[in-house]
Amino acid sequence: MSTPFSFIVITFNEEVHLPRLLKSIADLNAPIYVLDSGSTDDTLAIAKEFNAEILTNPFENHPKQWDFALKNFDIKTPWAICLDADQIVTPELKQRLLNFKDEDYADVDGIYFNRKNFFKGRWLKHGGYYPIYLLKMIRFGKGYSDLNENMDHRFIVPGKTIVWKDGHILEENLKENNIKFWIDKHNRYSDLVAQEEVERMLNIRTQTVKPAFFGSPDERTAWLKQLWWQMPRYSRPAIYFLYRIFFQLGILDGRNGIIFHFLQGFWFRLIVDIKIDEIIDQKYPERKSNRSRSPIKFVFSFLLLFVVLYYFNIYWFAATSPASRHYIPFVANNLNYIKSLRLILLNCSTGLLNMLGFTAIHDNYIMLVAGRGSIQVVYKCLGLGVISFFTAFVIAYPKNLKAKVIFIIAGILVLQFLNILRFMFLAVYWTKAGTTTLDHHTIFNFIIYLIIAISIYFWMREPVNPNKKHAAN
């Protein structure tokens, strides 16, 4: 009985990878189509051993290569599974495919697989690299390659899609164990990405996928790309790298993982930003005045302000703490804004709890809820580090003073309101759970930084003027 799907693979000198992939799908007895772009090794011989149908086409970029494959192979099956040569189908995914019946998916046009990516033998489990869902299985004749992308390739289908969370493919490019290969490849990729982003600045190139944070995996990616394009160049690689390392826990991926996150999250994107300026200098010199040196100025101002605000709060806390050698009685008695903030938070928390029917009191440090539990509000509970980060970013960002003041005040009020809710929740939670081991600071900071990132994105966005085709970025 013939299978309802075929495999399409694009190759270029893949003799080290292709046998792994083709062996992983051999038991499925599905038609295999290989589109090569001029391999000089044993790639084509290996493809012939597995009875693959072969076409050749000069390589320009991945979207165009996949577009050629979908339009030129004579595929007879209702579904096509499009894989890269350095990917492998896992036994779990193979079992799903063995059980796959077209009639069971009559209302579906695309299926996302879950990718596990490896670098120098290390599975990148963190840093935003897992889970990553890729639309790899498309209804043939409906799905197509998105030609509005130079580099970040994706397939698009008009109808419903589903996600196979346990349908894993493994991706490991063994050539990248030689770091020179990785750097050379990403240097070429950076040319494509930089040119694409310049074209997006000029409204020459648009997104095909509708951006939606709560949409499909590709719609979420499109939404995040819009956020990325709004961020100041030169600062965004550093922010993104730190986000991946600390907030997406990339630091847990070990030495090789951290190297990858640095190279892919910072180095590659910094090179792209540099090349964007080079393209503007060479092809669009009239836009140089719009660019000026604002990205570098923003990064310097943001880092300087953040350090000043962060350590000023720490110094002020020491100056108001009697046990500290930096204790200053006058400051502690008359200018102790840290104590005032703590009292405001405690008073609001106990007041709201009492309004909700609980009996809550505090002694300026510890809040007690009768019959429930208690929490101690220390310096790190006040959120001054988060506020320092938020305030420094907003002040440094090039926008008018009124917009900055309003956003800072509103942002701090919202952050502290969420802090109050946290105190209230913990007082009740600890009693129910019978434990005080919950690291609520880490959880709260993660949520707050996510909220800050989303709110800053909308605050930074400039309204689009449809009458100005070449609006400044």
Protein backbone atom coordinates (compact mmCIF):
# COMPACT_ATOMS: atom_id res chain seq x y z
CA MET A 1 0.00 0.00 0.00
CA SER A 2 1.48 3.36 -0.99
CA THR A 3 2.08 5.98 1.66
CA PRO A 4 0.08 9.23 1.69
CA PHE A 5 3.26 11.31 1.84
CA SER A 6 6.56 11.84 0.04
CA PHE A 7 9.85 13.23 1.33
CA ILE A 8 11.64 16.18 -0.28
CA VAL A 9 15.24 16.93 0.69
CA ILE A 10 17.49 19.75 -0.52
CA THR A 11 21.22 19.01 -0.62
CA PHE A 12 24.66 20.39 -1.29
CA ASN A 13 27.68 18.22 -0.45
CA GLU A 14 25.75 16.28 2.19
CA GLU A 15 27.55 12.92 2.09
CA VAL A 16 28.13 13.14 5.84
CA HIS A 17 24.45 13.80 6.62
CA LEU A 18 22.29 12.26 3.92
CA PRO A 19 22.80 8.59 4.91
CA ARG A 20 21.56 9.34 8.45
CA LEU A 21 18.40 10.98 7.19
CA LEU A 22 17.57 8.43 4.50
CA LYS A 23 18.16 5.48 6.86
CA SER A 24 15.82 7.07 9.41
CA ILE A 25 12.95 7.14 6.87
CA ALA A 26 13.74 3.99 4.88
CA ASP A 27 11.19 1.84 6.75
CA LEU A 28 8.39 4.21 5.74
CA ASN A 29 8.71 3.16 2.08
CA ALA A 30 7.76 6.65 0.93
CA PRO A 31 8.88 8.28 -2.35
CA ILE A 32 12.00 10.40 -1.90
CA TYR A 33 12.87 13.48 -3.96
CA VAL A 34 16.26 15.18 -3.70
CA LEU A 35 16.93 18.68 -5.05
CA ASP A 36 20.68 19.23 -5.29
CA SER A 37 22.54 22.46 -6.01
CA GLY A 38 25.76 21.11 -7.51
CA SER A 39 27.29 18.69 -5.02
CA THR A 40 30.85 17.56 -5.77
CA ASP A 41 31.00 14.74 -3.20
CA ASP A 42 29.04 11.45 -3.02
CA THR A 43 25.68 13.10 -2.25
CA LEU A 44 24.01 12.11 -5.52
CA ALA A 45 25.37 8.56 -5.38
CA ILE A 46 23.92 8.14 -1.89
CA ALA A 47 20.56 9.52 -3.05
CA LYS A 48 20.50 7.00 -5.91
CA GLU A 49 21.20 4.13 -3.50
CA PHE A 50 17.92 5.00 -1.77
CA ASN A 51 16.05 5.23 -5.09
CA ALA A 52 15.52 8.97 -4.80
CA GLU A 53 14.39 11.03 -7.76
CA ILE A 54 16.97 13.78 -8.31
CA LEU A 55 16.81 17.26 -9.79
CA THR A 56 19.45 20.00 -9.74
CA ASN A 57 19.03 23.74 -9.42
CA PRO A 58 21.59 26.50 -8.70
CA PHE A 59 21.27 27.70 -5.09
CA GLU A 60 20.27 31.32 -4.43
CA ASN A 61 18.58 31.03 -1.06
CA HIS A 62 16.54 28.46 0.84
CA PRO A 63 13.05 29.89 0.10
CA LYS A 64 13.68 29.90 -3.67
CA GLN A 65 15.21 26.43 -3.58
CA TRP A 66 12.17 25.02 -1.79
CA ASP A 67 9.89 26.87 -4.17
CA PHE A 68 11.64 25.20 -7.11
CA ALA A 69 11.33 21.77 -5.46
CA LEU A 70 7.59 22.09 -4.84
CA LYS A 71 6.95 23.29 -8.39
CA ASN A 72 9.15 20.88 -10.34
CA PHE A 73 8.93 17.47 -8.67
CA ASP A 74 6.10 15.28 -9.98
CA ILE A 75 4.75 14.33 -6.57
CA LYS A 76 1.77 11.97 -6.54
CA THR A 77 1.02 11.84 -2.82
CA PRO A 78 -1.39 14.21 -1.04
CA TRP A 79 1.28 15.21 1.48
CA ALA A 80 4.92 16.30 1.24
CA ILE A 81 7.39 16.20 4.13
CA CYS A 82 10.18 18.74 3.54
CA LEU A 83 13.41 18.06 5.41
CA ASP A 84 16.95 19.42 5.46
CA ALA A 85 19.73 16.90 4.88
CA ASP A 86 21.15 17.36 8.40
CA GLN A 87 17.88 16.34 10.04
CA ILE A 88 16.81 12.89 11.27
CA VAL A 89 13.34 11.46 11.84
CA THR A 90 13.09 10.00 15.36
CA PRO A 91 11.42 6.62 16.10
CA GLU A 92 8.50 8.46 17.77
CA LEU A 93 7.87 10.56 14.69
CA LYS A 94 8.32 7.54 12.45
CA GLN A 95 5.61 5.71 14.38
CA ARG A 96 3.26 8.64 13.92
CA LEU A 97 3.94 8.58 10.20
CA LEU A 98 3.41 4.81 10.01
CA ASN A 99 -0.03 5.33 11.54
CA PHE A 100 -0.81 8.38 9.41
CA LYS A 101 -3.96 8.26 7.29
CA ASP A 102 -4.94 11.11 5.01
CA GLU A 103 -8.64 10.71 5.78
CA ASP A 104 -7.96 11.34 9.48
CA TYR A 105 -6.60 14.79 8.61
CA ALA A 106 -9.07 15.88 5.94
CA ASP A 107 -9.47 19.35 7.53
CA VAL A 108 -5.72 19.90 8.03
CA ASP A 109 -3.28 21.52 5.57
CA GLY A 110 -0.08 21.49 7.62
CA ILE A 111 1.60 19.71 10.53
CA TYR A 112 4.35 21.16 12.72
CA PHE A 113 7.17 18.88 13.89
CA ASN A 114 9.17 19.56 17.06
CA ARG A 115 12.90 20.10 16.49
CA LYS A 116 15.79 19.21 18.78
CA ASN A 117 18.85 21.18 17.66
CA PHE A 118 22.42 20.07 18.43
CA PHE A 119 25.67 22.03 18.36
CA LYS A 120 29.03 20.26 18.75
CA GLY A 121 27.19 17.24 20.13
CA ARG A 122 25.19 19.23 22.68
CA TRP A 123 21.39 19.33 22.62
CA LEU A 124 20.34 22.97 22.94
CA LYS A 125 17.54 22.41 25.42
CA HIS A 126 17.39 26.00 26.64
CA GLY A 127 17.94 29.52 25.35
CA GLY A 128 14.68 29.48 23.39
CA TYR A 129 15.85 26.59 21.20
CA TYR A 130 13.46 23.99 22.52
CA PRO A 131 10.70 23.41 21.83
CA ILE A 132 10.77 24.87 18.30
CA TYR A 133 7.94 23.89 16.00
CA LEU A 134 8.61 23.79 12.26
CA LEU A 135 5.95 23.38 9.58
CA LYS A 136 7.51 20.40 7.82
CA MET A 137 4.51 18.40 6.58
CA ILE A 138 2.27 20.20 4.10
CA ARG A 139 -0.63 19.25 1.91
CA PHE A 140 0.92 19.15 -1.54
CA GLY A 141 -0.57 21.67 -3.94
CA LYS A 142 -1.69 23.92 -1.09
CA GLY A 143 1.49 24.53 0.84
CA TYR A 144 4.13 26.81 -0.63
CA SER A 145 7.49 28.38 0.19
CA ASP A 146 7.47 31.91 1.63
CA LEU A 147 9.49 33.96 -0.86
CA ASN A 148 9.20 37.10 1.26
CA GLU A 149 12.08 35.81 3.36
CA ASN A 150 15.73 35.74 2.31
CA MET A 151 17.01 33.50 5.06
CA ASP A 152 14.53 32.45 7.75
CA HIS A 153 12.65 29.97 5.60
CA ARG A 154 9.14 28.70 6.27
CA PHE A 155 6.31 26.98 4.45
CA ILE A 156 2.82 28.46 4.37
CA VAL A 157 -0.52 26.70 4.08
CA PRO A 158 -3.91 28.40 3.68
CA GLY A 159 -5.88 26.20 6.05
CA LYS A 160 -5.70 24.62 9.48
CA THR A 161 -2.42 23.49 11.04
CA ILE A 162 -1.71 21.22 14.00
CA VAL A 163 1.37 20.61 16.15
CA TRP A 164 2.90 17.21 16.91
CA LYS A 165 4.72 18.08 20.12
CA ASP A 166 6.14 14.57 20.41
CA GLY A 167 6.90 14.38 16.68
CA HIS A 168 10.59 15.16 16.96
CA ILE A 169 13.20 15.65 14.29
CA LEU A 170 16.84 15.87 15.32
CA GLU A 171 19.01 18.47 13.62
CA GLU A 172 22.80 18.39 13.88
CA ASN A 173 25.11 19.80 11.24
CA LEU A 174 28.33 17.85 11.74
CA LYS A 175 30.21 20.27 9.50
CA GLU A 176 29.66 22.93 12.16
CA ASN A 177 31.95 21.03 14.53
CA ASN A 178 34.57 23.02 12.61
CA ILE A 179 33.86 26.53 13.86
CA LYS A 180 35.32 28.05 10.68
CA PHE A 181 32.52 26.42 8.69
CA TRP A 182 29.90 27.81 11.08
CA ILE A 183 31.34 31.34 10.92
CA ASP A 184 31.72 31.31 7.13
CA LYS A 185 28.16 30.06 6.67
CA HIS A 186 26.65 32.63 9.00
CA ASN A 187 28.73 35.37 7.42
CA ARG A 188 27.00 34.52 4.13
CA TYR A 189 23.64 34.35 5.85
CA SER A 190 24.20 37.78 7.41
CA ASP A 191 24.41 39.29 3.90
CA LEU A 192 20.94 37.95 3.10
CA VAL A 193 19.40 39.00 6.41
CA ALA A 194 20.88 42.52 6.28
CA GLN A 195 19.66 43.10 2.72
CA GLU A 196 16.21 41.81 3.67
CA GLU A 197 15.91 44.12 6.67
CA VAL A 198 16.94 47.16 4.64
CA GLU A 199 14.23 46.28 2.14
CA ARG A 200 11.73 46.05 4.99
CA MET A 201 12.76 49.53 6.17
CA LEU A 202 11.91 50.79 2.69
CA ASN A 203 8.60 48.87 2.63
CA ILE A 204 9.86 46.98 -0.41
CA ARG A 205 9.46 43.66 1.41
CA THR A 206 6.56 42.66 3.67
CA GLN A 207 5.62 39.72 5.87
CA THR A 208 3.46 37.00 4.37
CA VAL A 209 2.53 35.46 7.71
CA LYS A 210 0.10 37.45 9.85
CA PRO A 211 1.84 38.41 13.13
CA ALA A 212 -0.01 37.07 16.18
CA PHE A 213 1.61 36.33 19.55
CA PHE A 214 -1.07 33.78 20.42
CA GLY A 215 -1.32 32.33 16.91
CA SER A 216 0.50 29.43 15.25
CA PRO A 217 4.26 28.98 15.84
CA ASP A 218 5.02 30.86 12.61
CA GLU A 219 2.55 33.66 13.44
CA ARG A 220 4.25 34.05 16.82
CA THR A 221 7.64 34.20 15.10
CA ALA A 222 6.32 36.90 12.74
CA TRP A 223 5.12 38.90 15.78
CA LEU A 224 8.50 38.59 17.48
CA LYS A 225 10.24 39.68 14.28
CA GLN A 226 8.21 42.88 14.26
CA LEU A 227 9.38 43.50 17.81
CA TRP A 228 12.98 42.88 16.72
CA TRP A 229 12.78 45.30 13.81
CA GLN A 230 11.54 48.05 16.16
CA MET A 231 14.50 47.66 18.53
CA PRO A 232 17.57 49.91 18.15
CA ARG A 233 20.38 48.32 16.18
CA TYR A 234 23.60 47.41 18.02
CA SER A 235 21.76 47.21 21.35
CA ARG A 236 19.33 44.47 20.36
CA PRO A 237 22.01 41.76 19.94
CA ALA A 238 23.22 42.33 23.51
CA ILE A 239 19.68 42.42 24.92
CA TYR A 240 18.72 39.29 22.99
CA PHE A 241 21.84 37.40 24.10
CA LEU A 242 21.28 38.24 27.77
CA TYR A 243 17.61 37.29 27.42
CA ARG A 244 18.54 33.91 25.97
CA ILE A 245 21.26 33.23 28.53
CA PHE A 246 19.44 34.26 31.70
CA PHE A 247 15.71 34.41 31.12
CA GLN A 248 15.55 31.48 28.70
CA LEU A 249 18.17 29.66 30.80
CA GLY A 250 20.68 29.23 27.98
CA ILE A 251 23.38 29.20 30.65
CA LEU A 252 22.22 25.66 31.50
CA ASP A 253 23.26 24.40 28.06
CA GLY A 254 26.87 24.10 29.18
CA ARG A 255 30.04 25.38 27.54
CA ASN A 256 29.14 24.47 23.96
CA GLY A 257 25.60 25.76 24.42
CA ILE A 258 26.80 29.11 25.73
CA ILE A 259 29.24 29.37 22.80
CA PHE A 260 26.34 28.75 20.41
CA HIS A 261 24.02 31.27 22.08
CA PHE A 262 26.79 33.88 21.98
CA LEU A 263 27.61 33.26 18.32
CA GLN A 264 24.04 32.89 17.07
CA GLY A 265 22.31 35.26 19.48
CA PHE A 266 24.90 38.07 19.64
CA TRP A 267 27.76 37.78 17.11
CA PHE A 268 25.62 36.91 14.09
CA ARG A 269 23.05 39.62 14.82
CA LEU A 270 25.73 42.24 15.50
CA ILE A 271 27.28 41.45 12.09
CA VAL A 272 23.84 41.88 10.52
CA ASP A 273 23.43 45.31 12.14
CA ILE A 274 26.86 46.39 10.91
CA LYS A 275 26.06 45.25 7.38
CA ILE A 276 22.73 47.08 7.47
CA ASP A 277 24.61 50.33 8.01
CA GLU A 278 27.07 49.44 5.27
CA ILE A 279 24.22 48.86 2.80
CA ILE A 280 22.59 52.15 3.79
CA ASP A 281 25.92 54.00 3.39
CA GLN A 282 26.50 52.53 -0.07
CA LYS A 283 23.00 52.43 -1.58
CA TYR A 284 20.87 54.87 0.42
CA PRO A 285 23.16 57.69 1.64
CA GLU A 286 20.16 60.01 2.07
CA ARG A 287 19.10 57.85 5.03
CA LYS A 288 22.36 58.28 6.95
CA SER A 289 21.06 61.41 8.66
CA ASN A 290 18.14 59.41 10.00
CA ARG A 291 20.47 56.79 11.37
CA SER A 292 23.19 58.98 12.91
CA ARG A 293 24.77 57.35 15.97
CA SER A 294 21.59 56.84 17.97
CA PRO A 295 21.96 53.03 18.43
CA ILE A 296 25.43 53.34 20.00
CA LYS A 297 24.35 56.34 22.03
CA PHE A 298 21.29 54.44 23.23
CA VAL A 299 23.32 51.40 24.34
CA PHE A 300 25.85 53.53 26.21
CA SER A 301 23.16 55.67 27.86
CA PHE A 302 21.05 52.66 28.84
CA LEU A 303 23.95 50.74 30.41
CA LEU A 304 25.27 53.81 32.22
CA LEU A 305 21.84 54.75 33.60
CA PHE A 306 21.08 51.19 34.64
CA VAL A 307 24.37 50.85 36.54
CA VAL A 308 23.90 54.24 38.22
CA LEU A 309 20.30 53.56 39.27
CA TYR A 310 20.95 49.97 40.33
CA TYR A 311 23.95 50.71 42.54
CA PHE A 312 22.48 53.96 43.85
CA ASN A 313 19.61 51.95 45.33
CA ILE A 314 22.07 49.48 46.87
CA TYR A 315 24.14 52.31 48.34
CA TRP A 316 21.02 54.04 49.69
CA PHE A 317 19.88 50.80 51.29
CA ALA A 318 23.27 50.50 53.01
CA ALA A 319 23.09 54.13 54.12
CA THR A 320 19.73 53.48 55.82
CA SER A 321 20.67 50.16 57.49
CA PRO A 322 22.03 50.59 61.04
CA ALA A 323 24.13 47.42 60.76
CA SER A 324 25.96 48.74 57.70
CA ARG A 325 29.31 50.52 57.94
CA HIS A 326 27.89 53.05 55.43
CA TYR A 327 25.01 53.95 57.78
CA ILE A 328 24.07 57.65 57.78
CA PRO A 329 21.53 58.51 60.52
CA PHE A 330 20.21 61.65 58.80
CA VAL A 331 19.52 59.77 55.57
CA ALA A 332 17.92 56.88 57.47
CA ASN A 333 15.63 59.20 59.45
CA ASN A 334 14.69 61.74 56.77
CA LEU A 335 15.39 60.41 53.27
CA ASN A 336 14.63 56.71 53.56
CA TYR A 337 12.57 56.15 50.40
CA ILE A 338 13.27 52.41 50.57
CA LYS A 339 11.55 52.16 53.94
CA SER A 340 8.68 54.29 52.64
CA LEU A 341 8.24 52.01 49.62
CA ARG A 342 8.25 48.94 51.84
CA LEU A 343 5.60 50.44 54.12
CA ILE A 344 3.42 51.44 51.16
CA LEU A 345 3.56 47.92 49.77
CA LEU A 346 2.84 46.34 53.15
CA ASN A 347 -0.01 48.74 53.93
CA CYS A 348 -1.62 48.16 50.54
CA SER A 349 -1.21 44.39 50.80
CA THR A 350 -2.69 44.14 54.28
CA GLY A 351 -5.45 46.60 53.40
CA LEU A 352 -6.54 44.63 50.35
CA LEU A 353 -6.40 41.34 52.26
CA ASN A 354 -8.56 42.80 55.01
CA MET A 355 -11.03 44.04 52.41
CA LEU A 356 -11.23 40.49 51.05
CA GLY A 357 -12.17 39.11 54.46
CA PHE A 358 -8.77 38.06 55.78
CA THR A 359 -7.17 39.39 58.95
CA ALA A 360 -3.75 40.78 58.05
CA ILE A 361 -1.24 42.87 60.01
CA HIS A 362 2.40 43.84 59.61
CA ASP A 363 5.25 45.18 61.75
CA ASN A 364 7.00 47.15 58.98
CA TYR A 365 8.87 44.03 57.81
CA ILE A 366 6.71 40.93 58.26
CA MET A 367 3.12 40.56 57.08
CA LEU A 368 1.01 38.05 58.95
CA VAL A 369 -2.33 36.69 57.79
CA ALA A 370 -4.29 35.11 60.64
CA GLY A 371 -4.85 31.41 60.10
CA ARG A 372 -2.80 31.50 56.91
CA GLY A 373 0.86 32.43 57.03
CA SER A 374 3.42 35.20 56.90
CA ILE A 375 6.01 36.69 54.57
CA GLN A 376 9.03 38.87 55.25
CA VAL A 377 9.53 41.78 52.87
CA VAL A 378 13.26 42.32 52.38
CA TYR A 379 15.15 44.60 49.97
CA LYS A 380 15.04 42.24 46.99
CA CYS A 381 11.25 41.99 47.32
CA LEU A 382 10.83 45.66 46.42
CA GLY A 383 11.63 45.24 42.72
CA LEU A 384 14.12 48.12 42.63
CA GLY A 385 16.41 46.22 40.25
CA VAL A 386 13.57 45.71 37.77
CA ILE A 387 12.51 49.33 38.13
CA SER A 388 16.12 50.45 37.49
CA PHE A 389 16.24 48.41 34.28
CA PHE A 390 12.85 49.70 33.11
CA THR A 391 13.58 53.34 33.95
CA ALA A 392 17.04 53.30 32.37
CA PHE A 393 15.71 51.82 29.13
CA VAL A 394 12.88 54.34 28.82
CA ILE A 395 15.07 57.36 29.63
CA ALA A 396 17.76 56.26 27.16
CA TYR A 397 15.35 55.52 24.33
CA PRO A 398 15.05 58.41 21.83
CA LYS A 399 11.53 59.68 22.42
CA ASN A 400 9.96 62.92 23.69
CA LEU A 401 10.16 63.74 27.40
CA LYS A 402 6.41 63.74 28.03
CA ALA A 403 6.01 60.21 26.62
CA LYS A 404 8.92 59.02 28.77
CA VAL A 405 7.58 60.53 32.00
CA ILE A 406 4.08 59.16 31.51
CA PHE A 407 5.37 55.69 30.61
CA ILE A 408 7.80 55.55 33.56
CA ILE A 409 5.16 56.60 36.11
CA ALA A 410 2.54 54.24 34.69
CA GLY A 411 5.06 51.41 34.44
CA ILE A 412 6.29 51.74 38.02
CA LEU A 413 2.74 51.86 39.35
CA VAL A 414 1.80 48.72 37.42
CA LEU A 415 4.95 46.90 38.53
CA GLN A 416 4.32 47.69 42.19
CA PHE A 417 0.66 46.76 41.92
CA LEU A 418 1.78 43.36 40.64
CA ASN A 419 4.22 43.23 43.54
CA ILE A 420 1.36 43.78 45.98
CA LEU A 421 -0.62 40.97 44.36
CA ARG A 422 2.46 38.76 44.75
CA PHE A 423 2.66 39.47 48.50
CA MET A 424 -1.03 38.69 48.91
CA PHE A 425 -0.80 35.48 46.92
CA LEU A 426 2.28 34.24 48.78
CA ALA A 427 0.72 34.86 52.17
CA VAL A 428 -2.17 32.58 51.24
CA TYR A 429 -0.18 30.09 49.17
CA TRP A 430 2.39 29.31 51.81
CA THR A 431 -0.32 28.28 54.24
CA LYS A 432 -2.03 25.98 51.72
CA ALA A 433 1.20 24.43 50.46
CA GLY A 434 2.88 24.17 53.80
CA THR A 435 6.24 25.22 52.38
CA THR A 436 8.42 28.32 52.13
CA THR A 437 10.83 26.95 49.53
CA LEU A 438 9.16 28.57 46.50
CA ASP A 439 11.65 30.82 44.71
CA HIS A 440 9.05 33.48 44.05
CA HIS A 441 11.67 36.13 43.23
CA THR A 442 12.85 34.26 40.12
CA ILE A 443 9.30 33.51 38.97
CA PHE A 444 8.15 37.08 39.59
CA ASN A 445 11.16 38.62 37.83
CA PHE A 446 10.64 36.37 34.80
CA ILE A 447 6.99 37.43 34.53
CA ILE A 448 7.82 41.10 35.07
CA TYR A 449 10.58 41.20 32.46
CA LEU A 450 8.24 39.53 29.98
CA ILE A 451 5.59 42.17 30.71
CA ILE A 452 8.21 44.92 30.37
CA ALA A 453 9.38 43.55 27.01
CA ILE A 454 5.84 43.43 25.63
CA SER A 455 4.89 46.88 26.94
CA ILE A 456 8.11 48.48 25.68
CA TYR A 457 7.49 46.96 22.26
CA PHE A 458 4.14 48.72 21.94
CA TRP A 459 5.53 51.93 23.44
CA MET A 460 8.43 52.03 20.95
CA ARG A 461 6.28 51.46 17.88
CA GLU A 462 5.82 54.48 15.66
CA PRO A 463 2.54 54.86 13.75
CA VAL A 464 2.99 53.95 10.08
CA ASN A 465 2.35 56.75 7.61
CA PRO A 466 1.02 55.12 4.43
CA ASN A 467 1.86 58.25 2.44
CA LYS A 468 5.58 57.94 3.22
CA LYS A 469 6.88 54.88 1.48
CA HIS A 470 10.43 55.41 2.65
CA ALA A 471 9.68 56.22 6.26
CA ALA A 472 12.65 56.12 8.57
CA ASN A 473 13.17 53.03 10.67
